[in-house]
Amino acid sequence: NLNLAADKINGTILSPGEEFSYNKIVGERSIEAGYKEAKVYVNGKVENGLGGGICQISSTLYNAALLANLEITDRRNHNFTSTYVPEGRDATVVYGSQDFKFKNTRQYPIQLTCSVSGGVATFTIKGIKEDVEYDVKILTSVTATIPFGEEIEEDSSLAPGTKSVVQAGHNGAKVSSYRVLYLDGKEVSRSLLYNDTYRVMNRIVKVAVGTAEAQQQQENPNIPEDLVPVQNQVTEPATVEEVKKQVEKEGENKTENKVEQETVTTPVEDNKEKETETTPEPSNQINTEETSQPSNTTPENNSENVEPETPSNESTENNV
């Protein structure tokens, strides 16, 4: 699935002012087009779905466009947090309902190259250097967290005293993301990209019929996530300096994904997604990075690509 989507995008050229549409370029994810079933999110659970996994491609391209300081015209986060990219740095796509779009706001045409090889997805945006080129950093701040609960389901096939975890839990979160531009090492602008909300994904455990756990679940069901007292779990917003230190610290601990000039890469792990970037030496080519539109809080489609259950490797800056 990743290769099919990458091949469609690879080589795309955008003229100045031209808009890129992920769904228009990649097309419908169908059996006829060669897509296979992979893990997707459906109504808060992980199931198999046609074309699963390709949100790793859209999310990688989103970060490349942001770091290239391009204008994001249509983007929405997933219902649930991803593991191949940090909160606030993902872009979900659903054919026919949710697109990912950005515009070439540079003076000259740009070219997108994309490949998936050796377990790594890589995006590069190339173009002619302009008189003024900014260094771009993307900062994210988690402003609230919502702990996940546990759902107990009875399974007649299980022997008494046994249990099976069929879905790991993920906390919900509220995240703000910012794009910061630097010129000659000095910050010249800081703009809010999005305020994203990620829903809670409860842990699901199957137990034998008639167990005490199943009875307790019936008597004391979990509180719906929209009733969780978020105000009691809000963390103090990080200051700019704290966010910078956090980003630099995270960058030192990340090793896998790379951004070469205007390149963003994300490692692939089966049906999971991961994203990572590193800062290369500037050249006479420009790499793709990101610019986005503010506030993203609308709910998503019921079905979306699943992200991997592995920790993400990523760095949050790239030089153009």
Protein backbone atom coordinates (compact mmCIF):
# COMPACT_ATOMS: atom_id res chain seq x y z
CA ASN A 1 0.00 0.00 0.00
CA LEU A 2 2.80 2.40 0.86
CA ASN A 3 4.63 1.71 -2.40
CA LEU A 4 1.48 2.22 -4.46
CA ALA A 5 0.80 5.62 -2.91
CA ALA A 6 4.46 6.66 -3.08
CA ASP A 7 4.72 5.74 -6.77
CA LYS A 8 1.70 7.88 -7.59
CA ILE A 9 3.23 10.96 -5.95
CA ASN A 10 6.84 10.46 -7.03
CA GLY A 11 7.91 12.98 -9.67
CA THR A 12 4.97 15.36 -9.20
CA ILE A 13 5.81 18.95 -10.20
CA LEU A 14 3.89 21.90 -8.78
CA SER A 15 4.03 25.30 -10.47
CA PRO A 16 4.00 28.47 -8.34
CA GLY A 17 0.54 28.83 -6.78
CA GLU A 18 -0.51 25.28 -7.75
CA GLU A 19 -2.21 23.13 -5.11
CA PHE A 20 -1.35 19.50 -4.38
CA SER A 21 -4.25 17.15 -3.56
CA TYR A 22 -3.33 13.79 -2.04
CA ASN A 23 -6.60 12.11 -3.00
CA LYS A 24 -6.50 13.49 -6.54
CA ILE A 25 -2.93 12.30 -7.15
CA VAL A 26 -3.09 8.95 -5.33
CA GLY A 27 -6.64 8.14 -6.40
CA GLU A 28 -9.14 5.70 -4.95
CA ARG A 29 -7.70 2.95 -2.79
CA SER A 30 -9.35 -0.08 -4.41
CA ILE A 31 -8.68 -3.75 -5.11
CA GLU A 32 -8.49 -2.90 -8.81
CA ALA A 33 -5.73 -0.39 -8.05
CA GLY A 34 -3.78 -3.11 -6.24
CA TYR A 35 -4.38 -2.09 -2.62
CA LYS A 36 -4.58 -4.73 0.09
CA GLU A 37 -6.15 -4.91 3.51
CA ALA A 38 -4.19 -3.62 6.48
CA LYS A 39 -4.99 -2.28 9.93
CA VAL A 40 -7.31 0.74 10.18
CA TYR A 41 -9.22 2.49 12.95
CA VAL A 42 -12.98 1.87 12.85
CA ASN A 43 -15.19 3.35 15.58
CA GLY A 44 -12.44 3.28 18.17
CA LYS A 45 -11.17 -0.21 17.37
CA VAL A 46 -8.44 -1.67 15.18
CA GLU A 47 -9.75 -3.67 12.23
CA ASN A 48 -8.63 -4.67 8.75
CA GLY A 49 -9.48 -2.25 5.97
CA LEU A 50 -8.59 -1.77 2.30
CA GLY A 51 -5.64 0.57 1.79
CA GLY A 52 -4.61 0.66 5.44
CA GLY A 53 -1.27 2.26 6.27
CA ILE A 54 -1.12 4.97 3.62
CA CYS A 55 -1.61 7.74 6.19
CA GLN A 56 2.08 7.25 6.88
CA ILE A 57 2.69 8.63 3.38
CA SER A 58 0.39 11.62 3.84
CA SER A 59 1.83 12.35 7.29
CA THR A 60 5.41 12.19 6.01
CA LEU A 61 4.55 14.53 3.15
CA TYR A 62 2.77 16.87 5.58
CA ASN A 63 5.95 17.23 7.63
CA ALA A 64 8.03 17.75 4.51
CA ALA A 65 5.67 20.49 3.30
CA LEU A 66 5.76 22.13 6.74
CA LEU A 67 9.54 22.13 6.90
CA ALA A 68 9.72 23.52 3.35
CA ASN A 69 7.59 26.42 4.59
CA LEU A 70 4.76 25.71 2.15
CA GLU A 71 1.14 26.64 2.79
CA ILE A 72 -1.10 23.84 4.09
CA THR A 73 -4.63 24.27 2.75
CA ASP A 74 -6.37 21.10 4.00
CA ARG A 75 -5.25 18.82 6.80
CA ARG A 76 -6.79 17.03 9.77
CA ASN A 77 -5.32 14.89 12.52
CA HIS A 78 -6.33 11.28 13.19
CA ASN A 79 -8.96 10.42 15.77
CA PHE A 80 -6.24 8.69 17.80
CA THR A 81 -2.56 9.37 18.37
CA SER A 82 0.01 7.88 16.02
CA THR A 83 3.26 6.20 16.95
CA TYR A 84 5.14 6.83 13.69
CA VAL A 85 4.86 10.59 14.15
CA PRO A 86 4.42 12.81 17.23
CA GLU A 87 1.05 14.20 18.25
CA GLY A 88 0.20 17.21 16.13
CA ARG A 89 2.37 16.08 13.22
CA ASP A 90 0.04 13.61 11.46
CA ALA A 91 -2.33 14.04 8.50
CA THR A 92 -5.15 11.57 7.95
CA VAL A 93 -6.69 10.90 4.54
CA VAL A 94 -9.91 9.13 3.57
CA TYR A 95 -10.79 8.95 -0.11
CA GLY A 96 -13.98 10.85 -0.86
CA SER A 97 -14.19 12.63 2.50
CA GLN A 98 -10.86 13.83 3.89
CA ASP A 99 -7.99 15.14 1.77
CA PHE A 100 -4.53 16.50 2.46
CA LYS A 101 -3.62 19.56 0.41
CA PHE A 102 -0.88 22.15 0.27
CA LYS A 103 0.13 24.93 -2.11
CA ASN A 104 3.43 25.82 -3.73
CA THR A 105 3.92 29.33 -2.34
CA ARG A 106 7.44 29.68 -3.73
CA GLN A 107 8.51 31.73 -6.78
CA TYR A 108 9.53 28.70 -8.84
CA PRO A 109 8.23 25.17 -9.53
CA ILE A 110 8.98 22.42 -7.03
CA GLN A 111 9.30 18.67 -7.52
CA LEU A 112 8.18 15.95 -5.09
CA THR A 113 10.08 12.70 -4.96
CA CYS A 114 8.92 9.81 -2.82
CA SER A 115 10.13 6.27 -2.30
CA VAL A 116 9.70 3.33 0.06
CA SER A 117 12.78 1.16 0.37
CA GLY A 118 14.39 -0.93 3.07
CA GLY A 119 11.55 -0.23 5.47
CA VAL A 120 11.84 3.55 5.13
CA ALA A 121 9.52 6.02 3.38
CA THR A 122 11.30 9.14 2.12
CA PHE A 123 10.02 12.44 0.73
CA THR A 124 12.18 15.11 -0.87
CA ILE A 125 11.00 18.47 -2.21
CA LYS A 126 13.36 20.15 -4.66
CA GLY A 127 13.38 23.61 -6.14
CA ILE A 128 15.43 26.71 -6.89
CA LYS A 129 16.72 28.68 -3.91
CA GLU A 130 15.26 32.10 -3.35
CA ASP A 131 16.97 35.23 -2.05
CA VAL A 132 15.64 34.61 1.46
CA GLU A 133 15.48 31.08 2.86
CA TYR A 134 14.36 30.35 6.42
CA ASP A 135 15.34 27.58 8.78
CA VAL A 136 12.11 25.97 9.99
CA LYS A 137 11.28 24.22 13.24
CA ILE A 138 7.98 22.59 14.18
CA LEU A 139 7.17 22.69 17.88
CA THR A 140 4.36 20.82 19.61
CA SER A 141 2.95 21.24 23.12
CA VAL A 142 0.59 18.80 24.85
CA THR A 143 -1.87 20.98 26.77
CA ALA A 144 -4.07 18.19 28.19
CA THR A 145 -4.12 14.42 28.52
CA ILE A 146 -6.99 11.98 28.98
CA PRO A 147 -6.05 8.53 30.39
CA PHE A 148 -7.47 5.48 28.66
CA GLY A 149 -9.79 3.04 30.42
CA GLU A 150 -10.32 -0.69 30.12
CA GLU A 151 -13.18 -2.59 28.53
CA ILE A 152 -13.88 -6.20 29.50
CA GLU A 153 -15.50 -8.53 26.96
CA GLU A 154 -16.65 -12.08 27.69
CA ASP A 155 -15.40 -14.81 25.39
CA SER A 156 -16.90 -18.31 25.64
CA SER A 157 -13.83 -19.82 23.97
CA LEU A 158 -11.56 -18.86 26.89
CA ALA A 159 -10.99 -21.24 29.78
CA PRO A 160 -11.88 -20.01 33.29
CA GLY A 161 -9.14 -17.84 34.76
CA THR A 162 -7.63 -16.88 31.41
CA LYS A 163 -7.72 -13.55 29.64
CA SER A 164 -6.53 -12.06 26.36
CA VAL A 165 -5.62 -8.44 25.56
CA VAL A 166 -6.98 -7.77 22.09
CA GLN A 167 -6.29 -4.03 21.93
CA ALA A 168 -3.73 -1.87 23.71
CA GLY A 169 -4.94 1.42 25.15
CA HIS A 170 -3.89 4.91 24.06
CA ASN A 171 -4.35 8.11 26.02
CA GLY A 172 -6.28 10.98 24.54
CA ALA A 173 -4.61 14.39 24.25
CA LYS A 174 -4.98 18.00 23.26
CA VAL A 175 -2.00 19.30 21.33
CA SER A 176 -0.99 22.65 19.86
CA SER A 177 1.57 22.82 17.05
CA TYR A 178 3.60 25.83 15.91
CA ARG A 179 5.86 26.70 12.98
CA VAL A 180 8.87 28.81 13.88
CA LEU A 181 11.01 30.55 11.24
CA TYR A 182 14.63 31.53 11.79
CA LEU A 183 16.87 33.79 9.71
CA ASP A 184 20.59 33.93 10.40
CA GLY A 185 19.97 31.99 13.60
CA LYS A 186 17.38 34.43 14.96
CA GLU A 187 13.67 33.73 15.35
CA VAL A 188 11.65 35.97 13.04
CA SER A 189 8.16 34.48 13.31
CA ARG A 190 6.10 31.95 15.26
CA SER A 191 2.64 30.90 14.07
CA LEU A 192 0.02 28.50 15.40
CA LEU A 193 -0.60 25.66 13.00
CA TYR A 194 -3.35 23.61 14.65
CA ASN A 195 -5.05 22.81 17.93
CA ASP A 196 -5.61 19.04 17.69
CA THR A 197 -7.71 16.77 19.87
CA TYR A 198 -7.04 13.01 20.02
CA ARG A 199 -9.65 10.66 21.44
CA VAL A 200 -9.05 7.98 24.03
CA MET A 201 -8.66 4.41 22.79
CA ASN A 202 -9.58 2.04 25.60
CA ARG A 203 -7.70 -1.15 26.34
CA ILE A 204 -9.85 -4.17 25.45
CA VAL A 205 -9.45 -7.41 27.39
CA LYS A 206 -11.36 -10.64 26.74
CA VAL A 207 -12.11 -12.88 29.73
CA ALA A 208 -13.90 -16.18 30.31
CA VAL A 209 -17.68 -16.04 30.65
CA GLY A 210 -18.98 -15.45 34.16
CA THR A 211 -15.75 -14.12 35.68
CA ALA A 212 -15.72 -11.46 38.39
CA GLU A 213 -14.10 -8.99 35.99
CA ALA A 214 -16.95 -9.32 33.52
CA GLN A 215 -19.49 -8.83 36.31
CA GLN A 216 -17.65 -5.76 37.55
CA GLN A 217 -17.63 -4.31 34.02
CA GLN A 218 -21.41 -4.62 33.86
CA GLU A 219 -21.89 -3.01 37.26
CA ASN A 220 -19.32 -0.22 36.78
CA PRO A 221 -18.88 0.55 33.08
CA ASN A 222 -16.19 3.03 32.02
CA ILE A 223 -17.11 6.69 31.92
CA PRO A 224 -17.43 7.89 28.30
CA GLU A 225 -14.38 9.86 27.29
CA ASP A 226 -16.33 13.08 26.68
CA LEU A 227 -17.25 13.08 30.38
CA VAL A 228 -13.73 12.61 31.68
CA PRO A 229 -12.85 15.68 33.78
CA VAL A 230 -10.15 16.96 31.46
CA GLN A 231 -9.62 20.07 33.57
CA ASN A 232 -8.16 17.89 36.31
CA GLN A 233 -5.61 16.42 33.93
CA VAL A 234 -4.42 19.51 32.11
CA THR A 235 -0.68 19.88 32.26
CA GLU A 236 0.94 23.26 32.52
CA PRO A 237 1.71 24.54 28.99
CA ALA A 238 5.43 24.47 28.31
CA THR A 239 7.25 27.75 27.79
CA VAL A 240 9.00 28.40 24.50
CA GLU A 241 12.37 27.63 26.06
CA GLU A 242 11.05 24.40 27.63
CA VAL A 243 9.62 23.29 24.29
CA LYS A 244 12.91 24.04 22.54
CA LYS A 245 14.87 22.06 25.13
CA GLN A 246 12.40 19.18 24.83
CA VAL A 247 12.68 19.17 21.05
CA GLU A 248 16.49 19.24 21.19
CA LYS A 249 16.53 16.44 23.77
CA GLU A 250 14.16 14.31 21.70
CA GLY A 251 16.27 14.94 18.63
CA GLU A 252 19.33 13.55 20.38
CA ASN A 253 17.45 10.35 21.20
CA LYS A 254 16.06 9.73 17.71
CA THR A 255 18.05 7.67 15.24
CA GLU A 256 15.96 6.24 12.40
CA ASN A 257 14.11 8.73 10.24
CA LYS A 258 15.95 11.31 8.19
CA VAL A 259 15.30 14.52 6.33
CA GLU A 260 17.90 15.17 3.68
CA GLN A 261 17.95 18.82 2.64
CA GLU A 262 14.24 18.94 2.03
CA THR A 263 13.79 15.26 2.70
CA VAL A 264 11.54 13.65 5.30
CA THR A 265 11.65 9.93 5.97
CA THR A 266 9.54 7.58 8.03
CA PRO A 267 10.39 3.97 8.83
CA VAL A 268 7.79 1.36 7.99
CA GLU A 269 6.92 -1.41 10.43
CA ASP A 270 4.35 -3.76 8.96
CA ASN A 271 0.98 -2.04 9.36
CA LYS A 272 2.35 0.57 11.72
CA GLU A 273 3.62 4.00 10.96
CA LYS A 274 6.51 6.02 12.24
CA GLU A 275 8.06 9.29 11.25
CA THR A 276 11.39 10.85 11.69
CA GLU A 277 13.45 13.67 10.36
CA THR A 278 16.97 14.98 10.65
CA THR A 279 18.59 18.24 9.63
CA PRO A 280 21.00 18.10 6.68
CA GLU A 281 23.44 20.56 5.28
CA PRO A 282 21.83 23.23 3.06
CA SER A 283 22.33 22.97 -0.69
CA ASN A 284 21.08 24.66 -3.82
CA GLN A 285 18.02 22.44 -3.62
CA ILE A 286 15.13 22.94 -1.28
CA ASN A 287 13.56 20.16 0.70
CA THR A 288 9.92 19.84 1.52
CA GLU A 289 8.62 20.86 4.84
CA GLU A 290 5.52 22.29 6.35
CA THR A 291 3.11 25.18 6.58
CA SER A 292 -0.34 24.70 7.94
CA GLN A 293 -3.66 26.31 8.68
CA PRO A 294 -4.83 26.98 12.21
CA SER A 295 -7.21 25.02 14.40
CA ASN A 296 -8.11 21.44 13.64
CA THR A 297 -10.71 20.10 16.01
CA THR A 298 -13.41 18.54 13.87
CA PRO A 299 -14.12 14.79 14.28
CA GLU A 300 -12.83 12.43 11.62
CA ASN A 301 -14.31 9.77 9.44
CA ASN A 302 -15.15 6.50 11.20
CA SER A 303 -12.41 4.65 9.34
CA GLU A 304 -8.80 5.68 9.09
CA ASN A 305 -5.36 4.17 8.73
CA VAL A 306 -3.79 2.66 11.80
CA GLU A 307 -0.46 3.81 13.08
CA PRO A 308 2.12 1.40 14.46
CA GLU A 309 2.39 0.35 18.07
CA THR A 310 6.10 1.21 18.18
CA PRO A 311 7.78 4.34 19.48
CA SER A 312 8.42 7.10 16.96
CA ASN A 313 11.82 8.39 15.96
CA GLU A 314 11.77 12.00 14.89
CA SER A 315 13.52 15.26 14.93
CA THR A 316 11.60 18.47 14.59
CA GLU A 317 13.64 20.73 12.38
CA ASN A 318 15.07 20.94 8.92
CA ASN A 319 17.17 23.46 7.08
CA VAL A 320 16.22 24.71 3.64
